[in-house]
Amino acid sequence: MSENELNRALRVVATAAATTQDSWLTVNEAAEIAGFKVNTMYTMCLRRVLPSYKIGEKMRRIKKTDLIAWLESNRVEARRA
């Protein structure tokens, strides 16, 4: 993912967080917000890299605040030239 794509995703996430209260996202919705493929999101949930909640046998949900916090915690500062 390029720096521009990541910045765009972070802006989208920040805007969504500012306009809504904590809500539950499907893995597809979380992938769209984060800019990842759905399979990547499932893998991160299964490996417990990203917090998620298993509902029933097959459904997974991700709290929007957890997704935003995870994205922000993985931020890497750019080097100064």
PDB file of N, CA and C in Angstrom:
ATOM      1  N   MET A   1       0.848  -1.161   0.000  1.00  0.00           N
ATOM      2  CA  MET A   1       0.000   0.000   0.000  1.00  0.00           C
ATOM      3  C   MET A   1       0.897   1.227   0.000  1.00  0.00           C
ATOM      4  N   SER A   2       0.632   2.157  -0.914  1.00  0.00           N
ATOM      5  CA  SER A   2       1.465   3.345  -1.003  1.00  0.00           C
ATOM      6  C   SER A   2       1.127   4.321   0.120  1.00  0.00           C
ATOM      7  N   GLU A   3       1.995   5.286   0.316  1.00  0.00           N
ATOM      8  CA  GLU A   3       1.785   6.277   1.378  1.00  0.00           C
ATOM      9  C   GLU A   3       0.520   7.091   1.115  1.00  0.00           C
ATOM     10  N   ASN A   4       0.267   7.441  -0.154  1.00  0.00           N
ATOM     11  CA  ASN A   4      -0.938   8.197  -0.491  1.00  0.00           C
ATOM     12  C   ASN A   4      -2.197   7.398  -0.183  1.00  0.00           C
ATOM     13  N   GLU A   5      -2.188   6.101  -0.500  1.00  0.00           N
ATOM     14  CA  GLU A   5      -3.349   5.252  -0.214  1.00  0.00           C
ATOM     15  C   GLU A   5      -3.578   5.129   1.282  1.00  0.00           C
ATOM     16  N   LEU A   6      -2.495   4.992   2.032  1.00  0.00           N
ATOM     17  CA  LEU A   6      -2.607   4.883   3.479  1.00  0.00           C
ATOM     18  C   LEU A   6      -3.143   6.180   4.079  1.00  0.00           C
ATOM     19  N   ASN A   7      -2.638   7.310   3.618  1.00  0.00           N
ATOM     20  CA  ASN A   7      -3.128   8.603   4.108  1.00  0.00           C
ATOM     21  C   ASN A   7      -4.605   8.778   3.791  1.00  0.00           C
ATOM     22  N   ARG A   8      -5.019   8.351   2.593  1.00  0.00           N
ATOM     23  CA  ARG A   8      -6.422   8.440   2.211  1.00  0.00           C
ATOM     24  C   ARG A   8      -7.280   7.578   3.128  1.00  0.00           C
ATOM     25  N   ALA A   9      -6.810   6.368   3.395  1.00  0.00           N
ATOM     26  CA  ALA A   9      -7.548   5.461   4.275  1.00  0.00           C
ATOM     27  C   ALA A   9      -7.657   6.037   5.684  1.00  0.00           C
ATOM     28  N   LEU A  10      -6.585   6.619   6.181  1.00  0.00           N
ATOM     29  CA  LEU A  10      -6.616   7.208   7.519  1.00  0.00           C
ATOM     30  C   LEU A  10      -7.577   8.394   7.583  1.00  0.00           C
ATOM     31  N   ARG A  11      -7.627   9.197   6.522  1.00  0.00           N
ATOM     32  CA  ARG A  11      -8.578  10.319   6.478  1.00  0.00           C
ATOM     33  C   ARG A  11     -10.014   9.809   6.499  1.00  0.00           C
ATOM     34  N   VAL A  12     -10.269   8.747   5.721  1.00  0.00           N
ATOM     35  CA  VAL A  12     -11.614   8.163   5.687  1.00  0.00           C
ATOM     36  C   VAL A  12     -11.998   7.644   7.061  1.00  0.00           C
ATOM     37  N   VAL A  13     -11.074   6.956   7.705  1.00  0.00           N
ATOM     38  CA  VAL A  13     -11.337   6.394   9.029  1.00  0.00           C
ATOM     39  C   VAL A  13     -11.559   7.514  10.041  1.00  0.00           C
ATOM     40  N   ALA A  14     -10.739   8.542  10.008  1.00  0.00           N
ATOM     41  CA  ALA A  14     -10.885   9.653  10.954  1.00  0.00           C
ATOM     42  C   ALA A  14     -12.219  10.368  10.759  1.00  0.00           C
ATOM     43  N   THR A  15     -12.620  10.562   9.519  1.00  0.00           N
ATOM     44  CA  THR A  15     -13.897  11.199   9.230  1.00  0.00           C
ATOM     45  C   THR A  15     -15.052  10.347   9.728  1.00  0.00           C
ATOM     46  N   ALA A  16     -14.983   9.056   9.476  1.00  0.00           N
ATOM     47  CA  ALA A  16     -16.034   8.146   9.934  1.00  0.00           C
ATOM     48  C   ALA A  16     -16.114   8.130  11.452  1.00  0.00           C
ATOM     49  N   ALA A  17     -14.980   8.159  12.107  1.00  0.00           N
ATOM     50  CA  ALA A  17     -14.966   8.127  13.567  1.00  0.00           C
ATOM     51  C   ALA A  17     -15.541   9.406  14.157  1.00  0.00           C
ATOM     52  N   ALA A  18     -15.291  10.503  13.504  1.00  0.00           N
ATOM     53  CA  ALA A  18     -15.774  11.780  14.014  1.00  0.00           C
ATOM     54  C   ALA A  18     -17.280  11.934  13.859  1.00  0.00           C
ATOM     55  N   THR A  19     -17.861  11.244  12.899  1.00  0.00           N
ATOM     56  CA  THR A  19     -19.276  11.440  12.613  1.00  0.00           C
ATOM     57  C   THR A  19     -20.191  10.392  13.221  1.00  0.00           C
ATOM     58  N   THR A  20     -19.648   9.292  13.719  1.00  0.00           N
ATOM     59  CA  THR A  20     -20.503   8.246  14.274  1.00  0.00           C
ATOM     60  C   THR A  20     -19.976   7.765  15.606  1.00  0.00           C
ATOM     61  N   GLN A  21     -20.862   7.171  16.377  1.00  0.00           N
ATOM     62  CA  GLN A  21     -20.452   6.539  17.618  1.00  0.00           C
ATOM     63  C   GLN A  21     -19.901   5.158  17.287  1.00  0.00           C
ATOM     64  N   ASP A  22     -19.432   4.484  18.323  1.00  0.00           N
ATOM     65  CA  ASP A  22     -18.886   3.146  18.110  1.00  0.00           C
ATOM     66  C   ASP A  22     -19.946   2.248  17.478  1.00  0.00           C
ATOM     67  N   SER A  23     -19.571   1.638  16.382  1.00  0.00           N
ATOM     68  CA  SER A  23     -20.500   0.735  15.712  1.00  0.00           C
ATOM     69  C   SER A  23     -19.745  -0.522  15.305  1.00  0.00           C
ATOM     70  N   TRP A  24     -20.515  -1.546  14.962  1.00  0.00           N
ATOM     71  CA  TRP A  24     -19.954  -2.826  14.563  1.00  0.00           C
ATOM     72  C   TRP A  24     -19.836  -2.865  13.053  1.00  0.00           C
ATOM     73  N   LEU A  25     -18.699  -3.350  12.571  1.00  0.00           N
ATOM     74  CA  LEU A  25     -18.451  -3.464  11.137  1.00  0.00           C
ATOM     75  C   LEU A  25     -18.337  -4.933  10.763  1.00  0.00           C
ATOM     76  N   THR A  26     -18.788  -5.252   9.570  1.00  0.00           N
ATOM     77  CA  THR A  26     -18.490  -6.571   9.027  1.00  0.00           C
ATOM     78  C   THR A  26     -17.032  -6.544   8.595  1.00  0.00           C
ATOM     79  N   VAL A  27     -16.489  -7.699   8.331  1.00  0.00           N
ATOM     80  CA  VAL A  27     -15.098  -7.760   7.868  1.00  0.00           C
ATOM     81  C   VAL A  27     -14.974  -7.052   6.518  1.00  0.00           C
ATOM     82  N   ASN A  28     -15.983  -7.180   5.675  1.00  0.00           N
ATOM     83  CA  ASN A  28     -15.972  -6.491   4.371  1.00  0.00           C
ATOM     84  C   ASN A  28     -15.942  -4.977   4.552  1.00  0.00           C
ATOM     85  N   GLU A  29     -16.760  -4.457   5.468  1.00  0.00           N
ATOM     86  CA  GLU A  29     -16.788  -3.012   5.713  1.00  0.00           C
ATOM     87  C   GLU A  29     -15.460  -2.531   6.283  1.00  0.00           C
ATOM     88  N   ALA A  30     -14.897  -3.293   7.210  1.00  0.00           N
ATOM     89  CA  ALA A  30     -13.609  -2.932   7.801  1.00  0.00           C
ATOM     90  C   ALA A  30     -12.503  -2.937   6.749  1.00  0.00           C
ATOM     91  N   ALA A  31     -12.545  -3.916   5.847  1.00  0.00           N
ATOM     92  CA  ALA A  31     -11.544  -3.988   4.779  1.00  0.00           C
ATOM     93  C   ALA A  31     -11.652  -2.780   3.865  1.00  0.00           C
ATOM     94  N   GLU A  32     -12.870  -2.372   3.558  1.00  0.00           N
ATOM     95  CA  GLU A  32     -13.071  -1.205   2.692  1.00  0.00           C
ATOM     96  C   GLU A  32     -12.536   0.065   3.354  1.00  0.00           C
ATOM     97  N   ILE A  33     -12.814   0.229   4.639  1.00  0.00           N
ATOM     98  CA  ILE A  33     -12.336   1.416   5.355  1.00  0.00           C
ATOM     99  C   ILE A  33     -10.814   1.428   5.440  1.00  0.00           C
ATOM    100  N   ALA A  34     -10.232   0.274   5.763  1.00  0.00           N
ATOM    101  CA  ALA A  34      -8.777   0.189   5.950  1.00  0.00           C
ATOM    102  C   ALA A  34      -8.010   0.138   4.643  1.00  0.00           C
ATOM    103  N   GLY A  35      -8.692  -0.216   3.558  1.00  0.00           N
ATOM    104  CA  GLY A  35      -8.010  -0.305   2.274  1.00  0.00           C
ATOM    105  C   GLY A  35      -7.282  -1.619   2.071  1.00  0.00           C
ATOM    106  N   PHE A  36      -7.708  -2.669   2.773  1.00  0.00           N
ATOM    107  CA  PHE A  36      -7.118  -3.991   2.638  1.00  0.00           C
ATOM    108  C   PHE A  36      -8.080  -4.915   1.910  1.00  0.00           C
ATOM    109  N   LYS A  37      -7.552  -6.031   1.440  1.00  0.00           N
ATOM    110  CA  LYS A  37      -8.411  -7.062   0.869  1.00  0.00           C
ATOM    111  C   LYS A  37      -9.133  -7.776   2.008  1.00  0.00           C
ATOM    112  N   VAL A  38     -10.305  -8.310   1.695  1.00  0.00           N
ATOM    113  CA  VAL A  38     -11.118  -8.997   2.698  1.00  0.00           C
ATOM    114  C   VAL A  38     -10.356 -10.183   3.294  1.00  0.00           C
ATOM    115  N   ASN A  39      -9.679 -10.956   2.460  1.00  0.00           N
ATOM    116  CA  ASN A  39      -8.917 -12.107   2.958  1.00  0.00           C
ATOM    117  C   ASN A  39      -7.826 -11.677   3.939  1.00  0.00           C
ATOM    118  N   THR A  40      -7.202 -10.543   3.684  1.00  0.00           N
ATOM    119  CA  THR A  40      -6.172 -10.027   4.584  1.00  0.00           C
ATOM    120  C   THR A  40      -6.781  -9.689   5.937  1.00  0.00           C
ATOM    121  N   MET A  41      -7.961  -9.080   5.923  1.00  0.00           N
ATOM    122  CA  MET A  41      -8.634  -8.730   7.178  1.00  0.00           C
ATOM    123  C   MET A  41      -8.979  -9.991   7.971  1.00  0.00           C
ATOM    124  N   TYR A  42      -9.516 -11.008   7.287  1.00  0.00           N
ATOM    125  CA  TYR A  42      -9.829 -12.264   7.970  1.00  0.00           C
ATOM    126  C   TYR A  42      -8.566 -12.875   8.578  1.00  0.00           C
ATOM    127  N   THR A  43      -7.482 -12.860   7.834  1.00  0.00           N
ATOM    128  CA  THR A  43      -6.223 -13.416   8.331  1.00  0.00           C
ATOM    129  C   THR A  43      -5.754 -12.667   9.573  1.00  0.00           C
ATOM    130  N   MET A  44      -5.835 -11.341   9.551  1.00  0.00           N
ATOM    131  CA  MET A  44      -5.416 -10.552  10.713  1.00  0.00           C
ATOM    132  C   MET A  44      -6.301 -10.842  11.924  1.00  0.00           C
ATOM    133  N   CYS A  45      -7.592 -11.042  11.692  1.00  0.00           N
ATOM    134  CA  CYS A  45      -8.505 -11.393  12.792  1.00  0.00           C
ATOM    135  C   CYS A  45      -8.169 -12.772  13.355  1.00  0.00           C
ATOM    136  N   LEU A  46      -7.966 -13.746  12.472  1.00  0.00           N
ATOM    137  CA  LEU A  46      -7.677 -15.107  12.916  1.00  0.00           C
ATOM    138  C   LEU A  46      -6.347 -15.205  13.654  1.00  0.00           C
ATOM    139  N   ARG A  47      -5.380 -14.407  13.237  1.00  0.00           N
ATOM    140  CA  ARG A  47      -4.066 -14.403  13.899  1.00  0.00           C
ATOM    141  C   ARG A  47      -4.038 -13.487  15.117  1.00  0.00           C
ATOM    142  N   ARG A  48      -5.171 -12.871  15.398  1.00  0.00           N
ATOM    143  CA  ARG A  48      -5.339 -11.962  16.531  1.00  0.00           C
ATOM    144  C   ARG A  48      -4.433 -10.745  16.465  1.00  0.00           C
ATOM    145  N   VAL A  49      -4.144 -10.313  15.253  1.00  0.00           N
ATOM    146  CA  VAL A  49      -3.406  -9.074  15.035  1.00  0.00           C
ATOM    147  C   VAL A  49      -4.363  -7.900  15.189  1.00  0.00           C
ATOM    148  N   LEU A  50      -5.580  -8.081  14.740  1.00  0.00           N
ATOM    149  CA  LEU A  50      -6.638  -7.078  14.795  1.00  0.00           C
ATOM    150  C   LEU A  50      -7.751  -7.604  15.698  1.00  0.00           C
ATOM    151  N   PRO A  51      -8.172  -6.821  16.698  1.00  0.00           N
ATOM    152  CA  PRO A  51      -9.243  -7.293  17.576  1.00  0.00           C
ATOM    153  C   PRO A  51     -10.542  -7.510  16.799  1.00  0.00           C
ATOM    154  N   SER A  52     -11.193  -8.623  17.057  1.00  0.00           N
ATOM    155  CA  SER A  52     -12.477  -8.912  16.417  1.00  0.00           C
ATOM    156  C   SER A  52     -13.315  -9.748  17.363  1.00  0.00           C
ATOM    157  N   TYR A  53     -14.574  -9.878  17.031  1.00  0.00           N
ATOM    158  CA  TYR A  53     -15.516 -10.620  17.855  1.00  0.00           C
ATOM    159  C   TYR A  53     -16.179 -11.674  16.995  1.00  0.00           C
ATOM    160  N   LYS A  54     -16.193 -12.882  17.474  1.00  0.00           N
ATOM    161  CA  LYS A  54     -16.820 -13.978  16.750  1.00  0.00           C
ATOM    162  C   LYS A  54     -18.258 -14.096  17.232  1.00  0.00           C
ATOM    163  N   ILE A  55     -19.174 -14.023  16.302  1.00  0.00           N
ATOM    164  CA  ILE A  55     -20.595 -14.104  16.616  1.00  0.00           C
ATOM    165  C   ILE A  55     -21.121 -15.377  15.972  1.00  0.00           C
ATOM    166  N   GLY A  56     -21.563 -16.296  16.796  1.00  0.00           N
ATOM    167  CA  GLY A  56     -21.988 -17.582  16.265  1.00  0.00           C
ATOM    168  C   GLY A  56     -20.780 -18.377  15.803  1.00  0.00           C
ATOM    169  N   GLU A  57     -20.992 -19.254  14.830  1.00  0.00           N
ATOM    170  CA  GLU A  57     -19.883 -20.082  14.345  1.00  0.00           C
ATOM    171  C   GLU A  57     -19.068 -19.419  13.255  1.00  0.00           C
ATOM    172  N   LYS A  58     -19.701 -18.582  12.436  1.00  0.00           N
ATOM    173  CA  LYS A  58     -19.001 -18.082  11.255  1.00  0.00           C
ATOM    174  C   LYS A  58     -18.864 -16.570  11.166  1.00  0.00           C
ATOM    175  N   MET A  59     -19.714 -15.818  11.839  1.00  0.00           N
ATOM    176  CA  MET A  59     -19.685 -14.360  11.676  1.00  0.00           C
ATOM    177  C   MET A  59     -18.614 -13.714  12.543  1.00  0.00           C
ATOM    178  N   ARG A  60     -17.950 -12.726  11.994  1.00  0.00           N
ATOM    179  CA  ARG A  60     -16.993 -11.899  12.726  1.00  0.00           C
ATOM    180  C   ARG A  60     -17.410 -10.454  12.583  1.00  0.00           C
ATOM    181  N   ARG A  61     -17.213  -9.709  13.648  1.00  0.00           N
ATOM    182  CA  ARG A  61     -17.478  -8.278  13.638  1.00  0.00           C
ATOM    183  C   ARG A  61     -16.280  -7.570  14.243  1.00  0.00           C
ATOM    184  N   ILE A  62     -16.078  -6.334  13.802  1.00  0.00           N
ATOM    185  CA  ILE A  62     -14.973  -5.512  14.283  1.00  0.00           C
ATOM    186  C   ILE A  62     -15.564  -4.185  14.727  1.00  0.00           C
ATOM    187  N   LYS A  63     -15.199  -3.752  15.930  1.00  0.00           N
ATOM    188  CA  LYS A  63     -15.652  -2.440  16.385  1.00  0.00           C
ATOM    189  C   LYS A  63     -14.893  -1.377  15.610  1.00  0.00           C
ATOM    190  N   LYS A  64     -15.620  -0.363  15.184  1.00  0.00           N
ATOM    191  CA  LYS A  64     -14.993   0.713  14.420  1.00  0.00           C
ATOM    192  C   LYS A  64     -13.879   1.375  15.232  1.00  0.00           C
ATOM    193  N   THR A  65     -14.095   1.571  16.528  1.00  0.00           N
ATOM    194  CA  THR A  65     -13.058   2.196  17.352  1.00  0.00           C
ATOM    195  C   THR A  65     -11.821   1.316  17.458  1.00  0.00           C
ATOM    196  N   ASP A  66     -12.004  -0.011  17.496  1.00  0.00           N
ATOM    197  CA  ASP A  66     -10.855  -0.926  17.518  1.00  0.00           C
ATOM    198  C   ASP A  66     -10.059  -0.833  16.220  1.00  0.00           C
ATOM    199  N   LEU A  67     -10.767  -0.747  15.095  1.00  0.00           N
ATOM    200  CA  LEU A  67     -10.101  -0.642  13.799  1.00  0.00           C
ATOM    201  C   LEU A  67      -9.300   0.649  13.714  1.00  0.00           C
ATOM    202  N   ILE A  68      -9.902   1.752  14.127  1.00  0.00           N
ATOM    203  CA  ILE A  68      -9.218   3.049  14.073  1.00  0.00           C
ATOM    204  C   ILE A  68      -7.993   3.043  14.979  1.00  0.00           C
ATOM    205  N   ALA A  69      -8.160   2.525  16.186  1.00  0.00           N
ATOM    206  CA  ALA A  69      -7.029   2.462  17.122  1.00  0.00           C
ATOM    207  C   ALA A  69      -5.904   1.603  16.565  1.00  0.00           C
ATOM    208  N   TRP A  70      -6.266   0.474  15.941  1.00  0.00           N
ATOM    209  CA  TRP A  70      -5.256  -0.404  15.365  1.00  0.00           C
ATOM    210  C   TRP A  70      -4.516   0.295  14.223  1.00  0.00           C
ATOM    211  N   LEU A  71      -5.250   0.979  13.351  1.00  0.00           N
ATOM    212  CA  LEU A  71      -4.611   1.689  12.245  1.00  0.00           C
ATOM    213  C   LEU A  71      -3.665   2.761  12.768  1.00  0.00           C
ATOM    214  N   GLU A  72      -4.109   3.513  13.755  1.00  0.00           N
ATOM    215  CA  GLU A  72      -3.269   4.584  14.299  1.00  0.00           C
ATOM    216  C   GLU A  72      -2.060   4.040  15.050  1.00  0.00           C
ATOM    217  N   SER A  73      -2.195   2.885  15.690  1.00  0.00           N
ATOM    218  CA  SER A  73      -1.072   2.320  16.436  1.00  0.00           C
ATOM    219  C   SER A  73       0.014   1.769  15.517  1.00  0.00           C
ATOM    220  N   ASN A  74      -0.314   1.539  14.266  1.00  0.00           N
ATOM    221  CA  ASN A  74       0.652   1.007  13.306  1.00  0.00           C
ATOM    222  C   ASN A  74       1.235   2.089  12.401  1.00  0.00           C
ATOM    223  N   ARG A  75       1.058   3.320  12.772  1.00  0.00           N
ATOM    224  CA  ARG A  75       1.582   4.434  11.989  1.00  0.00           C
ATOM    225  C   ARG A  75       3.093   4.481  12.124  1.00  0.00           C
ATOM    226  N   VAL A  76       3.758   4.713  11.014  1.00  0.00           N
ATOM    227  CA  VAL A  76       5.205   4.847  10.995  1.00  0.00           C
ATOM    228  C   VAL A  76       5.528   6.242  10.495  1.00  0.00           C
ATOM    229  N   GLU A  77       6.315   6.948  11.269  1.00  0.00           N
ATOM    230  CA  GLU A  77       6.690   8.320  10.917  1.00  0.00           C
ATOM    231  C   GLU A  77       7.611   8.314   9.706  1.00  0.00           C
ATOM    232  N   ALA A  78       7.415   9.286   8.850  1.00  0.00           N
ATOM    233  CA  ALA A  78       8.282   9.428   7.676  1.00  0.00           C
ATOM    234  C   ALA A  78       9.632   9.985   8.103  1.00  0.00           C
ATOM    235  N   ARG A  79      10.652   9.579   7.393  1.00  0.00           N
ATOM    236  CA  ARG A  79      11.991  10.108   7.683  1.00  0.00           C
ATOM    237  C   ARG A  79      12.113  11.509   7.111  1.00  0.00           C
ATOM    238  N   ARG A  80      12.799  12.342   7.830  1.00  0.00           N
ATOM    239  CA  ARG A  80      13.073  13.699   7.357  1.00  0.00           C
ATOM    240  C   ARG A  80      14.284  13.659   6.429  1.00  0.00           C
ATOM    241  N   ALA A  81      14.168  14.293   5.307  1.00  0.00           N
ATOM    242  CA  ALA A  81      15.274  14.281   4.337  1.00  0.00           C
ATOM    243  C   ALA A  81      16.278  15.357   4.628  1.00  0.00           C
TER     244      ALA A  81
END
